[in-house]
Every structure is written in structure tokens, then in C-alpha cells.
N, C-alpha and C. Protein backbone atom coordinates (compact mmCIF):
# COMPACT_ATOMS: atom_id res chain seq x y z
N MET A 1 0.87 -1.16 0.00
CA MET A 1 0.00 0.03 0.01
C MET A 1 0.91 1.25 -0.01
N SER A 2 0.43 2.27 -0.68
CA SER A 2 1.17 3.51 -0.65
C SER A 2 0.24 4.67 -0.29
N ASP A 3 0.86 5.71 0.24
CA ASP A 3 0.15 6.93 0.62
C ASP A 3 -1.05 6.63 1.55
N PRO A 4 -0.81 5.91 2.67
CA PRO A 4 -1.91 5.61 3.57
C PRO A 4 -2.43 6.89 4.24
N GLN A 5 -3.72 6.95 4.45
CA GLN A 5 -4.38 8.05 5.18
C GLN A 5 -5.30 7.42 6.22
N VAL A 6 -5.27 7.99 7.39
CA VAL A 6 -6.11 7.49 8.55
C VAL A 6 -7.03 8.58 9.05
N GLU A 7 -8.29 8.28 9.12
CA GLU A 7 -9.27 9.17 9.71
C GLU A 7 -9.75 8.59 11.00
N LEU A 8 -9.73 9.29 12.07
CA LEU A 8 -10.15 8.83 13.37
C LEU A 8 -11.47 9.52 13.83
N THR A 9 -12.40 8.75 14.34
CA THR A 9 -13.60 9.22 14.87
C THR A 9 -13.74 8.77 16.30
N VAL A 10 -13.89 9.65 17.27
CA VAL A 10 -14.05 9.31 18.67
C VAL A 10 -15.53 9.17 18.88
N VAL A 11 -15.98 7.99 19.39
CA VAL A 11 -17.38 7.73 19.68
C VAL A 11 -17.50 7.80 21.19
N SER A 12 -18.28 8.75 21.71
CA SER A 12 -18.39 8.91 23.16
C SER A 12 -19.86 9.35 23.44
N THR A 13 -20.43 8.79 24.53
CA THR A 13 -21.80 9.14 24.92
C THR A 13 -21.84 10.43 25.73
N ARG A 14 -20.63 10.79 26.29
CA ARG A 14 -20.61 12.01 27.12
C ARG A 14 -19.15 12.57 27.06
N PRO A 15 -19.07 13.87 27.14
CA PRO A 15 -17.74 14.49 27.12
C PRO A 15 -17.00 14.21 28.45
N ALA A 16 -15.69 14.12 28.37
CA ALA A 16 -14.88 13.96 29.62
C ALA A 16 -14.88 15.31 30.38
N PRO A 17 -14.89 15.24 31.75
CA PRO A 17 -14.78 16.46 32.54
C PRO A 17 -13.39 17.09 32.32
N ALA A 18 -13.27 18.32 32.79
CA ALA A 18 -12.00 19.04 32.74
C ALA A 18 -10.99 18.35 33.69
N CYS A 19 -9.73 18.55 33.36
CA CYS A 19 -8.62 17.92 34.11
C CYS A 19 -7.47 18.95 34.14
N ARG A 20 -6.94 19.25 35.33
CA ARG A 20 -5.84 20.28 35.41
C ARG A 20 -4.48 19.62 34.96
N ALA A 21 -4.36 18.34 35.10
CA ALA A 21 -3.08 17.66 34.67
C ALA A 21 -3.27 17.11 33.31
N GLU A 22 -2.16 16.50 32.75
CA GLU A 22 -2.25 15.93 31.46
C GLU A 22 -3.07 14.59 31.57
N VAL A 23 -4.03 14.45 30.69
CA VAL A 23 -4.84 13.24 30.70
C VAL A 23 -4.00 12.06 30.20
N GLN A 24 -4.11 10.92 30.87
CA GLN A 24 -3.38 9.69 30.49
C GLN A 24 -4.33 8.78 29.72
N VAL A 25 -3.88 8.36 28.54
CA VAL A 25 -4.72 7.50 27.70
C VAL A 25 -4.03 6.14 27.53
N GLU A 26 -4.81 5.07 27.79
CA GLU A 26 -4.21 3.71 27.69
C GLU A 26 -5.10 2.96 26.71
N PRO A 27 -4.47 2.20 25.83
CA PRO A 27 -5.24 1.32 24.89
C PRO A 27 -5.80 0.08 25.65
N VAL A 28 -7.02 -0.29 25.37
CA VAL A 28 -7.62 -1.48 25.96
C VAL A 28 -7.69 -2.57 24.93
N ASP A 29 -8.20 -2.25 23.73
CA ASP A 29 -8.34 -3.20 22.64
C ASP A 29 -8.12 -2.49 21.33
N THR A 30 -7.02 -2.74 20.61
CA THR A 30 -6.73 -2.07 19.36
C THR A 30 -6.52 -3.08 18.23
N ARG A 31 -7.12 -4.25 18.38
CA ARG A 31 -6.93 -5.32 17.35
C ARG A 31 -7.65 -5.00 16.01
N GLN A 32 -8.78 -4.27 16.08
CA GLN A 32 -9.47 -3.96 14.88
C GLN A 32 -9.59 -2.44 14.77
N PHE A 33 -9.15 -1.90 13.61
CA PHE A 33 -9.22 -0.47 13.40
C PHE A 33 -10.69 0.05 13.45
N ALA A 34 -11.59 -0.72 13.03
CA ALA A 34 -12.96 -0.25 12.95
C ALA A 34 -13.57 -0.07 14.31
N ARG A 35 -12.98 -0.63 15.39
CA ARG A 35 -13.51 -0.46 16.72
C ARG A 35 -12.35 -0.67 17.76
N MET A 36 -11.79 0.42 18.16
CA MET A 36 -10.70 0.34 19.18
C MET A 36 -11.22 0.97 20.47
N ARG A 37 -10.81 0.37 21.64
CA ARG A 37 -11.28 0.87 22.92
C ARG A 37 -10.06 1.46 23.67
N PHE A 38 -10.26 2.62 24.29
CA PHE A 38 -9.24 3.30 25.11
C PHE A 38 -9.86 3.70 26.48
N ILE A 39 -8.99 3.96 27.39
CA ILE A 39 -9.37 4.46 28.73
C ILE A 39 -8.63 5.79 28.90
N ALA A 40 -9.28 6.86 29.28
CA ALA A 40 -8.62 8.11 29.60
C ALA A 40 -8.79 8.29 31.12
N ARG A 41 -7.69 8.71 31.78
CA ARG A 41 -7.72 8.92 33.18
C ARG A 41 -7.15 10.31 33.54
N CYS A 42 -7.78 10.98 34.51
CA CYS A 42 -7.33 12.26 34.96
C CYS A 42 -6.54 11.94 36.25
N PRO A 43 -5.25 12.23 36.31
CA PRO A 43 -4.40 11.94 37.47
C PRO A 43 -4.62 12.92 38.65
N ASP A 44 -5.48 13.90 38.52
CA ASP A 44 -5.74 14.87 39.62
C ASP A 44 -6.28 14.08 40.84
N PRO A 45 -6.04 14.59 42.07
CA PRO A 45 -6.78 14.01 43.23
C PRO A 45 -8.22 14.06 42.98
N GLY A 46 -8.86 12.92 43.19
CA GLY A 46 -10.27 12.82 42.91
C GLY A 46 -10.59 12.87 41.43
N GLY A 47 -9.63 12.49 40.63
CA GLY A 47 -9.77 12.48 39.15
C GLY A 47 -10.83 11.53 38.65
N TRP A 48 -10.89 11.31 37.38
CA TRP A 48 -11.92 10.51 36.81
C TRP A 48 -11.36 9.50 35.81
N ARG A 49 -12.19 8.60 35.39
CA ARG A 49 -11.84 7.57 34.37
C ARG A 49 -12.96 7.61 33.34
N HIS A 50 -12.58 7.59 32.06
CA HIS A 50 -13.57 7.65 30.99
C HIS A 50 -13.22 6.60 29.94
N ASP A 51 -14.13 5.72 29.60
CA ASP A 51 -13.90 4.77 28.51
C ASP A 51 -14.44 5.38 27.22
N PHE A 52 -13.78 5.13 26.09
CA PHE A 52 -14.27 5.59 24.82
C PHE A 52 -13.83 4.72 23.71
N VAL A 53 -14.54 4.78 22.60
CA VAL A 53 -14.30 3.98 21.45
C VAL A 53 -13.80 4.89 20.29
N VAL A 54 -12.82 4.44 19.59
CA VAL A 54 -12.28 5.18 18.42
C VAL A 54 -12.44 4.31 17.19
N ARG A 55 -13.01 4.86 16.20
CA ARG A 55 -13.14 4.15 14.87
C ARG A 55 -12.17 4.77 13.91
N ALA A 56 -11.39 3.91 13.28
CA ALA A 56 -10.39 4.37 12.33
C ALA A 56 -10.84 3.98 10.89
N ARG A 57 -10.65 4.79 9.95
CA ARG A 57 -10.85 4.44 8.56
C ARG A 57 -9.52 4.65 7.85
N VAL A 58 -9.02 3.62 7.26
CA VAL A 58 -7.69 3.63 6.60
C VAL A 58 -7.91 3.50 5.09
N SER A 59 -7.33 4.46 4.37
CA SER A 59 -7.38 4.36 2.88
C SER A 59 -6.01 4.44 2.36
N ALA A 60 -5.72 3.84 1.18
CA ALA A 60 -4.43 3.84 0.62
C ALA A 60 -4.58 3.61 -0.90
N VAL A 61 -3.51 3.93 -1.61
CA VAL A 61 -3.48 3.66 -3.04
C VAL A 61 -3.09 2.22 -3.20
N VAL A 62 -3.95 1.41 -3.81
CA VAL A 62 -3.73 -0.04 -4.00
C VAL A 62 -4.02 -0.49 -5.38
N ALA A 63 -3.61 -1.69 -5.71
CA ALA A 63 -3.89 -2.28 -7.02
C ALA A 63 -5.32 -2.72 -7.06
N VAL A 64 -5.99 -2.34 -8.21
CA VAL A 64 -7.36 -2.64 -8.44
C VAL A 64 -7.54 -3.31 -9.81
N THR A 65 -8.43 -4.25 -9.95
CA THR A 65 -8.59 -4.93 -11.24
C THR A 65 -9.19 -3.89 -12.19
N ALA A 66 -8.61 -3.79 -13.39
CA ALA A 66 -9.04 -2.86 -14.44
C ALA A 66 -10.10 -3.47 -15.33
N ALA A 67 -10.18 -4.79 -15.31
CA ALA A 67 -11.07 -5.52 -16.15
C ALA A 67 -11.42 -6.87 -15.43
N PRO A 68 -12.52 -7.53 -15.85
CA PRO A 68 -12.76 -8.79 -15.22
C PRO A 68 -11.65 -9.78 -15.50
N ILE A 69 -11.33 -10.63 -14.48
CA ILE A 69 -10.28 -11.62 -14.60
C ILE A 69 -10.84 -12.98 -14.35
N LYS A 70 -10.51 -13.94 -15.21
CA LYS A 70 -10.97 -15.35 -15.03
C LYS A 70 -10.05 -16.10 -14.05
N ALA A 71 -10.64 -17.06 -13.41
CA ALA A 71 -9.86 -17.96 -12.50
C ALA A 71 -8.79 -18.58 -13.32
N GLY A 72 -7.57 -18.57 -12.81
CA GLY A 72 -6.43 -19.18 -13.42
C GLY A 72 -5.74 -18.29 -14.47
N GLU A 73 -6.29 -17.10 -14.73
CA GLU A 73 -5.74 -16.19 -15.74
C GLU A 73 -4.41 -15.53 -15.17
N VAL A 74 -3.39 -15.43 -15.97
CA VAL A 74 -2.17 -14.77 -15.58
C VAL A 74 -2.34 -13.25 -15.70
N LEU A 75 -1.96 -12.59 -14.63
CA LEU A 75 -2.14 -11.10 -14.59
C LEU A 75 -1.02 -10.37 -15.36
N GLY A 76 -1.45 -9.39 -16.19
CA GLY A 76 -0.55 -8.56 -16.90
C GLY A 76 -0.88 -7.12 -16.55
N ASN A 77 -0.10 -6.20 -17.11
CA ASN A 77 -0.35 -4.76 -16.91
C ASN A 77 -1.75 -4.33 -17.23
N GLU A 78 -2.33 -4.90 -18.28
CA GLU A 78 -3.63 -4.53 -18.76
C GLU A 78 -4.75 -4.84 -17.73
N HIS A 79 -4.45 -5.71 -16.81
CA HIS A 79 -5.45 -6.14 -15.86
C HIS A 79 -5.49 -5.29 -14.59
N LEU A 80 -4.51 -4.38 -14.41
CA LEU A 80 -4.35 -3.68 -13.18
C LEU A 80 -4.29 -2.20 -13.29
N THR A 81 -4.79 -1.49 -12.27
CA THR A 81 -4.66 -0.03 -12.18
C THR A 81 -4.52 0.33 -10.69
N LEU A 82 -4.15 1.55 -10.39
CA LEU A 82 -4.01 1.98 -9.05
C LEU A 82 -5.13 2.95 -8.68
N GLU A 83 -5.74 2.82 -7.48
CA GLU A 83 -6.76 3.70 -7.01
C GLU A 83 -6.71 3.79 -5.50
N ARG A 84 -7.18 4.96 -4.99
CA ARG A 84 -7.29 5.11 -3.52
C ARG A 84 -8.59 4.34 -3.09
N ARG A 85 -8.43 3.43 -2.10
CA ARG A 85 -9.59 2.62 -1.64
C ARG A 85 -9.52 2.51 -0.08
N ASP A 86 -10.66 2.22 0.45
CA ASP A 86 -10.76 1.92 1.92
C ASP A 86 -10.20 0.52 2.11
N VAL A 87 -9.21 0.44 2.96
CA VAL A 87 -8.50 -0.85 3.26
C VAL A 87 -8.60 -1.15 4.74
N THR A 88 -9.52 -0.55 5.44
CA THR A 88 -9.59 -0.70 6.86
C THR A 88 -9.62 -2.16 7.38
N ILE A 89 -10.41 -3.00 6.69
CA ILE A 89 -10.53 -4.37 7.12
C ILE A 89 -9.72 -5.33 6.20
N MET A 90 -8.86 -4.83 5.35
CA MET A 90 -8.03 -5.69 4.49
C MET A 90 -6.63 -5.64 4.96
N ASN A 91 -6.08 -6.81 5.35
CA ASN A 91 -4.73 -6.88 5.79
C ASN A 91 -3.73 -7.43 4.71
N ASP A 92 -4.28 -7.71 3.52
CA ASP A 92 -3.45 -8.22 2.44
C ASP A 92 -3.64 -7.52 1.11
N ALA A 93 -4.12 -6.25 1.10
CA ALA A 93 -4.27 -5.52 -0.15
C ALA A 93 -2.87 -5.30 -0.82
N ILE A 94 -2.83 -5.43 -2.13
CA ILE A 94 -1.57 -5.31 -2.82
C ILE A 94 -1.40 -3.84 -3.22
N GLY A 95 -0.28 -3.27 -2.81
CA GLY A 95 -0.03 -1.85 -3.08
C GLY A 95 0.64 -1.57 -4.40
N SER A 96 1.45 -2.53 -4.88
CA SER A 96 2.18 -2.27 -6.15
C SER A 96 1.76 -3.35 -7.16
N PRO A 97 1.36 -2.85 -8.36
CA PRO A 97 1.01 -3.85 -9.42
C PRO A 97 2.10 -4.84 -9.70
N GLN A 98 3.35 -4.41 -9.52
CA GLN A 98 4.50 -5.30 -9.75
C GLN A 98 4.41 -6.60 -8.98
N ASP A 99 3.83 -6.48 -7.78
CA ASP A 99 3.68 -7.63 -6.85
C ASP A 99 2.70 -8.66 -7.39
N ALA A 100 1.85 -8.27 -8.30
CA ALA A 100 0.82 -9.14 -8.81
C ALA A 100 1.10 -9.64 -10.26
N LEU A 101 1.98 -8.96 -10.99
CA LEU A 101 2.23 -9.33 -12.35
C LEU A 101 2.80 -10.76 -12.43
N GLY A 102 2.29 -11.54 -13.33
CA GLY A 102 2.73 -12.93 -13.51
C GLY A 102 2.10 -13.91 -12.60
N GLN A 103 1.30 -13.44 -11.61
CA GLN A 103 0.54 -14.33 -10.73
C GLN A 103 -0.75 -14.72 -11.46
N THR A 104 -1.38 -15.76 -10.90
CA THR A 104 -2.67 -16.16 -11.48
C THR A 104 -3.76 -15.96 -10.39
N SER A 105 -4.94 -15.70 -10.89
CA SER A 105 -6.08 -15.49 -10.01
C SER A 105 -6.64 -16.83 -9.54
N ARG A 106 -6.86 -16.97 -8.27
CA ARG A 106 -7.46 -18.23 -7.72
C ARG A 106 -8.96 -18.37 -8.03
N ARG A 107 -9.60 -17.20 -8.30
CA ARG A 107 -11.02 -17.24 -8.63
C ARG A 107 -11.28 -16.09 -9.54
N SER A 108 -12.53 -16.07 -10.15
CA SER A 108 -12.92 -14.96 -10.99
C SER A 108 -13.01 -13.66 -10.21
N LEU A 109 -12.57 -12.57 -10.81
CA LEU A 109 -12.61 -11.27 -10.12
C LEU A 109 -13.36 -10.28 -11.05
N ARG A 110 -14.17 -9.40 -10.42
CA ARG A 110 -14.91 -8.37 -11.17
C ARG A 110 -13.98 -7.14 -11.40
N ALA A 111 -14.23 -6.42 -12.39
CA ALA A 111 -13.51 -5.11 -12.60
C ALA A 111 -13.76 -4.22 -11.39
N GLY A 112 -12.71 -3.57 -10.91
CA GLY A 112 -12.88 -2.61 -9.79
C GLY A 112 -12.67 -3.22 -8.43
N GLU A 113 -12.29 -4.48 -8.33
CA GLU A 113 -12.04 -5.11 -7.06
C GLU A 113 -10.65 -4.77 -6.57
N VAL A 114 -10.47 -4.55 -5.29
CA VAL A 114 -9.15 -4.34 -4.67
C VAL A 114 -8.47 -5.72 -4.76
N LEU A 115 -7.27 -5.72 -5.29
CA LEU A 115 -6.51 -6.98 -5.42
C LEU A 115 -5.80 -7.36 -4.12
N ARG A 116 -6.05 -8.54 -3.66
CA ARG A 116 -5.50 -9.06 -2.41
C ARG A 116 -4.57 -10.26 -2.61
N SER A 117 -3.56 -10.36 -1.88
CA SER A 117 -2.58 -11.45 -2.08
C SER A 117 -3.25 -12.79 -1.89
N SER A 118 -4.27 -12.91 -1.07
CA SER A 118 -4.94 -14.19 -0.84
C SER A 118 -5.73 -14.64 -2.08
N GLN A 119 -5.95 -13.78 -3.04
CA GLN A 119 -6.69 -14.08 -4.28
C GLN A 119 -5.72 -14.61 -5.35
N LEU A 120 -4.45 -14.53 -5.06
CA LEU A 120 -3.43 -14.85 -6.14
C LEU A 120 -2.61 -16.10 -5.80
N ALA A 121 -2.13 -16.75 -6.84
CA ALA A 121 -1.23 -17.89 -6.65
C ALA A 121 -0.15 -17.79 -7.75
N SER A 122 1.04 -18.25 -7.41
CA SER A 122 2.09 -18.30 -8.42
C SER A 122 1.77 -19.38 -9.46
N PRO A 123 1.97 -19.11 -10.71
CA PRO A 123 1.61 -20.05 -11.74
C PRO A 123 2.60 -21.26 -11.66
N GLN A 124 2.14 -22.42 -12.06
CA GLN A 124 2.98 -23.59 -12.13
C GLN A 124 4.06 -23.42 -13.21
N MET A 125 5.33 -23.50 -12.83
CA MET A 125 6.42 -23.37 -13.75
C MET A 125 6.91 -24.75 -14.22
N VAL A 126 6.60 -25.74 -13.44
CA VAL A 126 7.02 -27.10 -13.76
C VAL A 126 5.83 -28.04 -13.46
N LYS A 127 5.54 -28.91 -14.41
CA LYS A 127 4.44 -29.87 -14.18
C LYS A 127 5.07 -31.30 -14.09
N ARG A 128 4.37 -32.13 -13.37
CA ARG A 128 4.78 -33.55 -13.22
C ARG A 128 4.99 -34.15 -14.63
N GLY A 129 6.15 -34.77 -14.82
CA GLY A 129 6.41 -35.40 -16.10
C GLY A 129 7.15 -34.50 -17.10
N ASP A 130 7.24 -33.23 -16.78
CA ASP A 130 7.99 -32.28 -17.68
C ASP A 130 9.49 -32.63 -17.69
N GLN A 131 10.09 -32.44 -18.85
CA GLN A 131 11.54 -32.48 -18.94
C GLN A 131 12.02 -31.12 -18.46
N VAL A 132 13.01 -31.16 -17.52
CA VAL A 132 13.55 -29.96 -16.93
C VAL A 132 15.04 -29.89 -17.07
N LEU A 133 15.58 -28.69 -16.98
CA LEU A 133 17.01 -28.54 -16.99
C LEU A 133 17.47 -28.28 -15.54
N MET A 134 18.33 -29.20 -15.06
CA MET A 134 18.92 -29.11 -13.69
C MET A 134 20.15 -28.29 -13.81
N VAL A 135 20.23 -27.09 -13.11
CA VAL A 135 21.37 -26.18 -13.27
C VAL A 135 21.93 -25.86 -11.88
N ALA A 136 23.27 -26.02 -11.80
CA ALA A 136 24.00 -25.62 -10.56
C ALA A 136 25.19 -24.80 -11.00
N ARG A 137 25.48 -23.76 -10.24
CA ARG A 137 26.59 -22.87 -10.51
C ARG A 137 27.51 -22.84 -9.28
N TYR A 138 28.83 -22.83 -9.51
CA TYR A 138 29.77 -22.77 -8.44
C TYR A 138 31.04 -22.04 -8.91
N GLU A 139 31.35 -20.90 -8.33
CA GLU A 139 32.64 -20.18 -8.65
C GLU A 139 32.76 -20.00 -10.11
N GLY A 140 31.76 -19.50 -10.79
CA GLY A 140 31.85 -19.26 -12.27
C GLY A 140 31.67 -20.49 -13.14
N ILE A 141 31.49 -21.66 -12.57
CA ILE A 141 31.29 -22.85 -13.36
C ILE A 141 29.84 -23.23 -13.27
N GLU A 142 29.23 -23.53 -14.42
CA GLU A 142 27.85 -23.90 -14.49
C GLU A 142 27.79 -25.33 -15.00
N VAL A 143 27.01 -26.16 -14.33
CA VAL A 143 26.79 -27.55 -14.71
C VAL A 143 25.31 -27.73 -14.93
N SER A 144 24.88 -28.28 -16.07
CA SER A 144 23.50 -28.49 -16.28
C SER A 144 23.27 -29.91 -16.87
N MET A 145 22.18 -30.45 -16.55
CA MET A 145 21.84 -31.78 -17.12
C MET A 145 20.31 -31.92 -17.16
N ALA A 146 19.90 -32.90 -17.93
CA ALA A 146 18.44 -33.11 -18.14
C ALA A 146 17.92 -33.93 -16.96
N GLY A 147 16.64 -33.63 -16.68
CA GLY A 147 15.94 -34.38 -15.64
C GLY A 147 14.43 -34.41 -15.96
N GLU A 148 13.71 -35.19 -15.14
CA GLU A 148 12.25 -35.27 -15.27
C GLU A 148 11.63 -34.88 -13.93
N ALA A 149 10.71 -33.94 -13.99
CA ALA A 149 10.02 -33.51 -12.78
C ALA A 149 9.04 -34.56 -12.31
N LEU A 150 9.15 -34.93 -11.06
CA LEU A 150 8.21 -35.96 -10.49
C LEU A 150 7.09 -35.26 -9.70
N ASP A 151 7.17 -33.95 -9.52
CA ASP A 151 6.16 -33.14 -8.89
C ASP A 151 5.93 -31.89 -9.68
N ALA A 152 4.78 -31.22 -9.49
CA ALA A 152 4.51 -29.94 -10.05
C ALA A 152 4.90 -28.85 -9.07
N GLY A 153 5.27 -27.68 -9.59
CA GLY A 153 5.62 -26.60 -8.61
C GLY A 153 5.71 -25.27 -9.24
N ALA A 154 5.46 -24.21 -8.42
CA ALA A 154 5.55 -22.80 -8.87
C ALA A 154 6.99 -22.37 -8.52
N ARG A 155 7.39 -21.20 -8.97
CA ARG A 155 8.70 -20.65 -8.72
C ARG A 155 9.02 -20.73 -7.23
N GLY A 156 10.13 -21.28 -6.83
CA GLY A 156 10.52 -21.35 -5.43
C GLY A 156 10.11 -22.65 -4.72
N ALA A 157 9.18 -23.38 -5.36
CA ALA A 157 8.74 -24.65 -4.74
C ALA A 157 9.84 -25.74 -4.85
N VAL A 158 9.86 -26.65 -3.88
CA VAL A 158 10.79 -27.74 -3.87
C VAL A 158 10.10 -28.96 -4.52
N VAL A 159 10.67 -29.54 -5.55
CA VAL A 159 10.14 -30.70 -6.22
C VAL A 159 11.14 -31.77 -6.33
N ARG A 160 10.63 -33.03 -6.53
CA ARG A 160 11.57 -34.16 -6.78
C ARG A 160 11.81 -34.20 -8.26
N VAL A 161 13.07 -34.47 -8.62
CA VAL A 161 13.50 -34.58 -10.04
C VAL A 161 14.35 -35.77 -10.21
N ARG A 162 14.08 -36.53 -11.27
CA ARG A 162 14.87 -37.71 -11.61
C ARG A 162 15.92 -37.29 -12.68
N ASN A 163 17.19 -37.49 -12.30
CA ASN A 163 18.34 -37.20 -13.20
C ASN A 163 18.16 -38.21 -14.38
N SER A 164 18.05 -37.69 -15.58
CA SER A 164 17.85 -38.52 -16.77
C SER A 164 19.03 -39.44 -17.04
N ALA A 165 20.24 -39.04 -16.70
CA ALA A 165 21.44 -39.83 -16.95
C ALA A 165 21.65 -40.96 -15.90
N SER A 166 21.50 -40.62 -14.63
CA SER A 166 21.78 -41.58 -13.60
C SER A 166 20.52 -42.29 -12.98
N GLY A 167 19.37 -41.69 -13.17
CA GLY A 167 18.16 -42.19 -12.56
C GLY A 167 17.98 -41.81 -11.14
N GLN A 168 18.95 -41.11 -10.54
CA GLN A 168 18.88 -40.70 -9.19
C GLN A 168 17.84 -39.62 -8.98
N VAL A 169 17.02 -39.71 -7.89
CA VAL A 169 15.98 -38.75 -7.56
C VAL A 169 16.55 -37.77 -6.55
N VAL A 170 16.47 -36.49 -6.85
CA VAL A 170 16.95 -35.44 -5.94
C VAL A 170 15.87 -34.37 -5.77
N ARG A 171 16.04 -33.67 -4.65
CA ARG A 171 15.12 -32.52 -4.41
C ARG A 171 15.74 -31.27 -4.99
N MET A 172 14.92 -30.52 -5.82
CA MET A 172 15.45 -29.36 -6.44
C MET A 172 14.39 -28.22 -6.32
N ARG A 173 14.81 -26.97 -6.36
CA ARG A 173 13.95 -25.83 -6.23
C ARG A 173 13.68 -25.29 -7.63
N VAL A 174 12.39 -24.97 -7.90
CA VAL A 174 11.99 -24.45 -9.23
C VAL A 174 12.53 -23.04 -9.38
N ALA A 175 13.33 -22.79 -10.42
CA ALA A 175 13.98 -21.49 -10.58
C ALA A 175 13.20 -20.71 -11.69
N GLY A 176 12.54 -21.41 -12.54
CA GLY A 176 11.82 -20.74 -13.68
C GLY A 176 11.12 -21.80 -14.46
N ALA A 177 10.57 -21.40 -15.60
CA ALA A 177 9.85 -22.35 -16.48
C ALA A 177 10.87 -23.43 -16.95
N GLY A 178 10.62 -24.67 -16.57
CA GLY A 178 11.46 -25.75 -16.99
C GLY A 178 12.86 -25.80 -16.43
N THR A 179 13.16 -25.02 -15.39
CA THR A 179 14.49 -24.97 -14.82
C THR A 179 14.45 -25.21 -13.32
N VAL A 180 15.33 -26.05 -12.86
CA VAL A 180 15.42 -26.27 -11.41
C VAL A 180 16.84 -26.08 -10.94
N GLU A 181 17.00 -25.91 -9.63
CA GLU A 181 18.42 -25.67 -9.05
C GLU A 181 18.46 -26.45 -7.77
N PRO A 182 19.68 -26.66 -7.23
CA PRO A 182 19.83 -27.38 -5.98
C PRO A 182 19.07 -26.64 -4.82
N VAL A 183 18.49 -27.43 -3.97
CA VAL A 183 17.82 -26.81 -2.79
C VAL A 183 18.81 -26.19 -1.84
N GLU A 184 19.82 -26.99 -1.49
CA GLU A 184 20.85 -26.46 -0.58
C GLU A 184 22.06 -26.16 -1.41
N THR A 185 22.45 -24.89 -1.26
CA THR A 185 23.59 -24.40 -2.01
C THR A 185 24.83 -24.13 -1.13
N PRO A 186 25.94 -24.84 -1.35
CA PRO A 186 27.15 -24.61 -0.50
C PRO A 186 27.59 -23.15 -0.70
N PRO A 187 28.35 -22.66 0.33
CA PRO A 187 28.84 -21.27 0.22
C PRO A 187 29.63 -21.06 -1.11
N GLY A 188 29.42 -19.92 -1.74
CA GLY A 188 30.10 -19.60 -2.95
C GLY A 188 29.37 -19.94 -4.19
N ILE A 189 28.28 -20.70 -4.09
CA ILE A 189 27.53 -21.10 -5.26
C ILE A 189 26.44 -20.02 -5.49
N SER A 190 26.37 -19.55 -6.70
CA SER A 190 25.32 -18.59 -7.01
C SER A 190 24.21 -19.26 -7.79
N ARG A 191 23.01 -18.91 -7.48
CA ARG A 191 21.85 -19.42 -8.19
C ARG A 191 21.56 -18.66 -9.46
N PRO A 192 20.97 -19.27 -10.49
CA PRO A 192 20.65 -18.59 -11.68
C PRO A 192 19.63 -17.47 -11.46
């Protein structure tokens, strides 16, 4: 989210009496912005205690769908726009379209919906049975060999791969479309 703005409204049934000292305010429950509870205390001798509720409205510039999106559709620039929206009850609104590009929608989305990370999934880069390139780099040396994916996975997922030459099954991390790399990399090895 970018450019967040917060509007606070104090909900009180009666005004607090005057206090000669500085009023002390303590939070009681601030888990939900839509309804937070506080206690105000006057430290004067014979002072008072007053409970009150504060409602917050949070708005920010977030990614919004520019057109309807089908379930499983890969998001591109044409699908997204930025708009100021109320995000008070959203903890996973996407602030930058770059964070959504290349992701797929888990369900159909209408035009104008705030895009949330829970609505998106990384697309499968490797499918079970795909021929993949196993790549490892160490100190400027790159070794690659053919393999067969035994699991499906998105970028960053760990999948089992059968080395085509030796038949050995190893765990590899999906680096991109049709490419996997070692899961554990010794010091000095750079990943593609």
C-alpha cells in the first residue's frame, strides 16, 4: 500500500470532565481499526476515568482490477490499475501492481475489485512429467543436465526430479519455467 491516510472518529456518549493535569490514555483493545477501545484517566486527586471507542478508517493507493479476470488467468499490466480505496478491514491488499504481475487469480474477479494477495497464486512453472534442466553454478562454473520433474511446482517450490542420466531422484527448487536448481547451495555457489 502507498500513501496511507487514517481518519479517526471518537465515539463517546458524554464528554470527559476538565482535568488540570495531562490526561493519560491507555489502549484497551486495538486489534481492529474499525473499533478500538481506550481508557482516559485524569491523574488529579479525585480524578476521573472515562472509556471511549475510536473508529479508524484507513485508505491507501492499492492495485485494483481494471477488467474482469477469469480464474487461473495470468495477470498482466492490462489487468491492473491503481486507485485510492478503503482498506480498513483488508490486511493483504496489494499496493504495487508489480507484486501481482505474472501471478494467477485463484477465482474470477470483477473489474474494480481491490486486489489481495490471498486471491493470487504463483503459476505452475514445472508440471509432473515435464523435462527440466537441472542447473548448478559454483565459482563461475555452471553444470546443467536433463531431468524429469516428479512433482509440479511454482517458482521457489521444492520438487523431486529424476536425473535422466543416472536415474537418481533429488530434491530441487523451481527457478523458472522448465528450470530447477539445488535446494541447498554450498557457500560460494550462485543461483541462476
